[in-house]
Amino acid sequence: MLLGEAEILGQVREAYLRAHAAHATGPVLNRLFQAALEIGKRVRAETELGTRPMGVASAGMKLAERIFGKLNDRTALVLGAGTISEQVVSQLRDRKHRPALPFQSLREKARISPSNIKGKCSIGATGTAH
């Protein structure tokens, strides 16, 4: 299980309750949401999926290593500049990876800078490169 999946289940529940209260669901969607929420609860209660949660960044790194092998000789392009992107950069650094190239579309939203990753940084078309 990835960290955040329990939160997603809660968000689905909240969205369903709001849609239901607004009379925006019918019998088919009601049954679909109720079944999905029930199955989500059962999976967490009856399996070991929640016992060893893994972060999205860590899971992504493991998948990339499985597909590409050792990543030390490769350059990574990290899309986005939010929390998950920060975690990916941290995972890359922990694995002694070559500097990452974070890419964010808006300079104002940038949370990762070249100074804190010891690499290069690129800003998208709406910002300026540095």
C-alpha atoms as a PDB file:
ATOM      1  CA  MET A   1       0.000   0.000   0.000  1.00  0.00           C
ATOM      2  CA  LEU A   2       1.197   3.493  -0.757  1.00  0.00           C
ATOM      3  CA  LEU A   3       0.991   6.231   1.826  1.00  0.00           C
ATOM      4  CA  GLY A   4      -1.936   8.422   0.973  1.00  0.00           C
ATOM      5  CA  GLU A   5      -4.304   5.688  -0.157  1.00  0.00           C
ATOM      6  CA  ALA A   6      -6.275   5.885   3.100  1.00  0.00           C
ATOM      7  CA  GLU A   7      -6.614   9.623   2.543  1.00  0.00           C
ATOM      8  CA  ILE A   8      -7.823   9.015  -0.998  1.00  0.00           C
ATOM      9  CA  LEU A   9     -10.468   6.618   0.285  1.00  0.00           C
ATOM     10  CA  GLY A  10     -11.587   9.364   2.682  1.00  0.00           C
ATOM     11  CA  GLN A  11     -11.694  11.874  -0.160  1.00  0.00           C
ATOM     12  CA  VAL A  12     -13.796   9.496  -2.259  1.00  0.00           C
ATOM     13  CA  ARG A  13     -16.165   9.031   0.691  1.00  0.00           C
ATOM     14  CA  GLU A  14     -16.438  12.805   1.196  1.00  0.00           C
ATOM     15  CA  ALA A  15     -17.045  13.423  -2.529  1.00  0.00           C
ATOM     16  CA  TYR A  16     -19.731  10.752  -2.589  1.00  0.00           C
ATOM     17  CA  LEU A  17     -21.479  12.156   0.478  1.00  0.00           C
ATOM     18  CA  ARG A  18     -21.498  15.651  -1.017  1.00  0.00           C
ATOM     19  CA  ALA A  19     -22.782  14.440  -4.377  1.00  0.00           C
ATOM     20  CA  HIS A  20     -25.438  12.318  -2.667  1.00  0.00           C
ATOM     21  CA  ALA A  21     -26.560  15.243  -0.486  1.00  0.00           C
ATOM     22  CA  ALA A  22     -26.853  17.388  -3.627  1.00  0.00           C
ATOM     23  CA  HIS A  23     -28.992  14.675  -5.271  1.00  0.00           C
ATOM     24  CA  ALA A  24     -26.346  14.318  -7.993  1.00  0.00           C
ATOM     25  CA  THR A  25     -26.151  10.537  -7.789  1.00  0.00           C
ATOM     26  CA  GLY A  26     -28.620   7.899  -8.836  1.00  0.00           C
ATOM     27  CA  PRO A  27     -29.058   4.251  -7.929  1.00  0.00           C
ATOM     28  CA  VAL A  28     -26.158   3.036 -10.063  1.00  0.00           C
ATOM     29  CA  LEU A  29     -23.608   5.538  -8.717  1.00  0.00           C
ATOM     30  CA  ASN A  30     -24.893   5.058  -5.163  1.00  0.00           C
ATOM     31  CA  ARG A  31     -24.307   1.321  -5.346  1.00  0.00           C
ATOM     32  CA  LEU A  32     -20.950   1.761  -7.092  1.00  0.00           C
ATOM     33  CA  PHE A  33     -19.616   4.168  -4.452  1.00  0.00           C
ATOM     34  CA  GLN A  34     -20.985   2.117  -1.573  1.00  0.00           C
ATOM     35  CA  ALA A  35     -19.348  -1.038  -2.943  1.00  0.00           C
ATOM     36  CA  ALA A  36     -16.028   0.719  -3.593  1.00  0.00           C
ATOM     37  CA  LEU A  37     -15.921   2.180  -0.098  1.00  0.00           C
ATOM     38  CA  GLU A  38     -16.833  -1.150   1.481  1.00  0.00           C
ATOM     39  CA  ILE A  39     -14.159  -2.988  -0.505  1.00  0.00           C
ATOM     40  CA  GLY A  40     -11.590  -0.345   0.448  1.00  0.00           C
ATOM     41  CA  LYS A  41     -12.376  -0.867   4.124  1.00  0.00           C
ATOM     42  CA  ARG A  42     -12.256  -4.657   3.767  1.00  0.00           C
ATOM     43  CA  VAL A  43      -8.904  -4.601   1.980  1.00  0.00           C
ATOM     44  CA  ARG A  44      -7.335  -2.586   4.784  1.00  0.00           C
ATOM     45  CA  ALA A  45      -8.940  -4.732   7.494  1.00  0.00           C
ATOM     46  CA  GLU A  46      -8.420  -8.208   6.007  1.00  0.00           C
ATOM     47  CA  THR A  47      -5.046  -7.954   4.282  1.00  0.00           C
ATOM     48  CA  GLU A  48      -1.544  -6.897   5.204  1.00  0.00           C
ATOM     49  CA  LEU A  49      -1.493  -4.101   2.630  1.00  0.00           C
ATOM     50  CA  GLY A  50      -1.476  -1.398   5.289  1.00  0.00           C
ATOM     51  CA  THR A  51       1.172  -2.970   7.503  1.00  0.00           C
ATOM     52  CA  ARG A  52       4.216  -1.832   5.515  1.00  0.00           C
ATOM     53  CA  PRO A  53       3.243   1.377   3.776  1.00  0.00           C
ATOM     54  CA  MET A  54       5.595   2.784   1.154  1.00  0.00           C
ATOM     55  CA  GLY A  55       5.778   6.368  -0.021  1.00  0.00           C
ATOM     56  CA  VAL A  56       5.013   7.219  -3.626  1.00  0.00           C
ATOM     57  CA  ALA A  57       8.565   8.502  -4.181  1.00  0.00           C
ATOM     58  CA  SER A  58      10.114   5.300  -2.851  1.00  0.00           C
ATOM     59  CA  ALA A  59       7.759   3.128  -4.894  1.00  0.00           C
ATOM     60  CA  GLY A  60       8.589   5.147  -8.014  1.00  0.00           C
ATOM     61  CA  MET A  61      12.323   4.744  -7.440  1.00  0.00           C
ATOM     62  CA  LYS A  62      11.972   0.987  -6.960  1.00  0.00           C
ATOM     63  CA  LEU A  63       9.964   0.735 -10.172  1.00  0.00           C
ATOM     64  CA  ALA A  64      12.490   2.844 -12.099  1.00  0.00           C
ATOM     65  CA  GLU A  65      15.335   0.643 -10.817  1.00  0.00           C
ATOM     66  CA  ARG A  66      13.434  -2.478 -11.828  1.00  0.00           C
ATOM     67  CA  ILE A  67      12.876  -1.114 -15.334  1.00  0.00           C
ATOM     68  CA  PHE A  68      16.218   0.623 -15.950  1.00  0.00           C
ATOM     69  CA  GLY A  69      18.595  -1.128 -13.558  1.00  0.00           C
ATOM     70  CA  LYS A  70      21.097   0.990 -11.668  1.00  0.00           C
ATOM     71  CA  LEU A  71      20.309   4.661 -12.038  1.00  0.00           C
ATOM     72  CA  ASN A  72      23.738   6.045 -11.061  1.00  0.00           C
ATOM     73  CA  ASP A  73      24.780   6.681 -14.668  1.00  0.00           C
ATOM     74  CA  ARG A  74      21.496   8.308 -15.657  1.00  0.00           C
ATOM     75  CA  THR A  75      20.131  11.823 -15.265  1.00  0.00           C
ATOM     76  CA  ALA A  76      16.670  12.201 -13.799  1.00  0.00           C
ATOM     77  CA  LEU A  77      14.121  14.813 -14.842  1.00  0.00           C
ATOM     78  CA  VAL A  78      11.791  15.455 -11.908  1.00  0.00           C
ATOM     79  CA  LEU A  79       8.514  16.989 -13.071  1.00  0.00           C
ATOM     80  CA  GLY A  80       6.840  19.264 -10.569  1.00  0.00           C
ATOM     81  CA  ALA A  81       8.036  21.060  -7.483  1.00  0.00           C
ATOM     82  CA  GLY A  82       5.766  19.869  -4.711  1.00  0.00           C
ATOM     83  CA  THR A  83       6.201  17.545  -1.776  1.00  0.00           C
ATOM     84  CA  ILE A  84       6.409  14.342  -3.838  1.00  0.00           C
ATOM     85  CA  SER A  85       9.020  15.905  -6.129  1.00  0.00           C
ATOM     86  CA  GLU A  86      11.078  16.870  -3.070  1.00  0.00           C
ATOM     87  CA  GLN A  87      10.841  13.277  -1.865  1.00  0.00           C
ATOM     88  CA  VAL A  88      11.955  11.957  -5.268  1.00  0.00           C
ATOM     89  CA  VAL A  89      14.968  14.270  -5.246  1.00  0.00           C
ATOM     90  CA  SER A  90      15.775  13.065  -1.728  1.00  0.00           C
ATOM     91  CA  GLN A  91      15.495   9.427  -2.861  1.00  0.00           C
ATOM     92  CA  LEU A  92      17.832  10.143  -5.767  1.00  0.00           C
ATOM     93  CA  ARG A  93      20.341  11.831  -3.465  1.00  0.00           C
ATOM     94  CA  ASP A  94      20.180   8.944  -0.950  1.00  0.00           C
ATOM     95  CA  ARG A  95      21.001   6.512  -3.763  1.00  0.00           C
ATOM     96  CA  LYS A  96      24.082   8.561  -4.765  1.00  0.00           C
ATOM     97  CA  HIS A  97      22.372   9.406  -8.044  1.00  0.00           C
ATOM     98  CA  ARG A  98      23.673  12.024 -10.450  1.00  0.00           C
ATOM     99  CA  PRO A  99      22.113  15.450  -9.901  1.00  0.00           C
ATOM    100  CA  ALA A 100      18.418  15.597 -10.711  1.00  0.00           C
ATOM    101  CA  LEU A 101      16.908  18.116 -13.077  1.00  0.00           C
ATOM    102  CA  PRO A 102      13.702  19.372 -11.434  1.00  0.00           C
ATOM    103  CA  PHE A 103      11.267  21.038 -13.807  1.00  0.00           C
ATOM    104  CA  GLN A 104       8.469  23.266 -12.622  1.00  0.00           C
ATOM    105  CA  SER A 105       6.022  25.194 -14.724  1.00  0.00           C
ATOM    106  CA  LEU A 106       5.718  28.304 -12.569  1.00  0.00           C
ATOM    107  CA  ARG A 107       8.559  29.978 -10.713  1.00  0.00           C
ATOM    108  CA  GLU A 108       6.205  31.079  -7.902  1.00  0.00           C
ATOM    109  CA  LYS A 109       5.284  27.463  -7.190  1.00  0.00           C
ATOM    110  CA  ALA A 110       8.864  26.247  -7.113  1.00  0.00           C
ATOM    111  CA  ARG A 111       9.707  24.584  -3.810  1.00  0.00           C
ATOM    112  CA  ILE A 112      12.828  22.846  -5.068  1.00  0.00           C
ATOM    113  CA  SER A 113      15.781  24.971  -5.992  1.00  0.00           C
ATOM    114  CA  PRO A 114      19.169  24.052  -7.427  1.00  0.00           C
ATOM    115  CA  SER A 115      20.801  25.131  -4.175  1.00  0.00           C
ATOM    116  CA  ASN A 116      19.036  22.511  -2.069  1.00  0.00           C
ATOM    117  CA  ILE A 117      19.481  19.610  -4.496  1.00  0.00           C
ATOM    118  CA  LYS A 118      23.017  20.361  -5.668  1.00  0.00           C
ATOM    119  CA  GLY A 119      21.914  19.991  -9.260  1.00  0.00           C
ATOM    120  CA  LYS A 120      20.448  21.953 -12.095  1.00  0.00           C
ATOM    121  CA  CYS A 121      16.996  23.431 -12.269  1.00  0.00           C
ATOM    122  CA  SER A 122      14.784  24.265 -15.218  1.00  0.00           C
ATOM    123  CA  ILE A 123      11.735  26.508 -15.239  1.00  0.00           C
ATOM    124  CA  GLY A 124       9.010  25.888 -17.804  1.00  0.00           C
ATOM    125  CA  ALA A 125       7.788  28.152 -20.543  1.00  0.00           C
ATOM    126  CA  THR A 126       5.953  30.462 -18.134  1.00  0.00           C
ATOM    127  CA  GLY A 127       9.075  31.210 -16.088  1.00  0.00           C
ATOM    128  CA  THR A 128      12.692  31.950 -16.679  1.00  0.00           C
ATOM    129  CA  ALA A 129      15.506  29.426 -16.726  1.00  0.00           C
ATOM    130  CA  HIS A 130      18.181  29.539 -14.067  1.00  0.00           C
END
